[in-house]
Amino acid sequence: MSSRSVLRSELALLGVVVICVVIFVVMKFSRGRADPFLFYASRCTISVALLAVLHCVDVRRGLSSLLPPRILIGPVLLLGLTGHVVYQIGFVLGLDRTTAGTASLLIASSPIWTGLVAHLGGQERLGARSWAGLLVAFAGTATVAAASSGVSFGRDAAIGNALCVAAAFGWGCYTAWNR
């Protein structure tokens, strides 16, 4: 791989990180100004339109078929349910009830859930160091959730934190099952 293509890949990853950070801030800022689901619907509409265009280009080039094989329709629907419906509802409603910082940390716990789901599904075998890492990460996530719920935000923040963890779990399932 040339250094130019490596740089292009690194810049693309940096762009994704910036977009993810901006989404938390913009959604939190728009709270009270716009319905969170309206923002989500706008985001999804733009994403679906862009992905449809990219898919049609792939179909036209012969790189992809228009529809998945019939045997994959059930798994694709399950992936859509966990990776988009569960994740997005938990993300939108959770962020609406807790702080942007807490929500981002809790949703960033999705690798914990990915590891657990992959292990329980027989896709991965976790060694002692992996289990130790998962436990430390889980303890950190639980500490953040408990601290932000109990300080001054009360029940609403606890619900928001639980929804963010549910979103992370949904994304973890999506990632593990998407292999």
Foldseek 3Di string as FASTA:
>chain_A
DDPVVVVVVVVVVVVVVVVVLVVLVVLLVCQVVDQLVVVVVVVVVVVVVVVVVVVVVCVVVVNDPPDDPPVCPVVVVLLCCLQPVLLVVLLSLLSSQFPSVLLVLLLVLLVLLLVVLCCVVVNDDDDPVRVVVSVVSVVVNVVSQVVRQPPPRHPSNNSSSVSSNSSSNSNSNSVNSVD
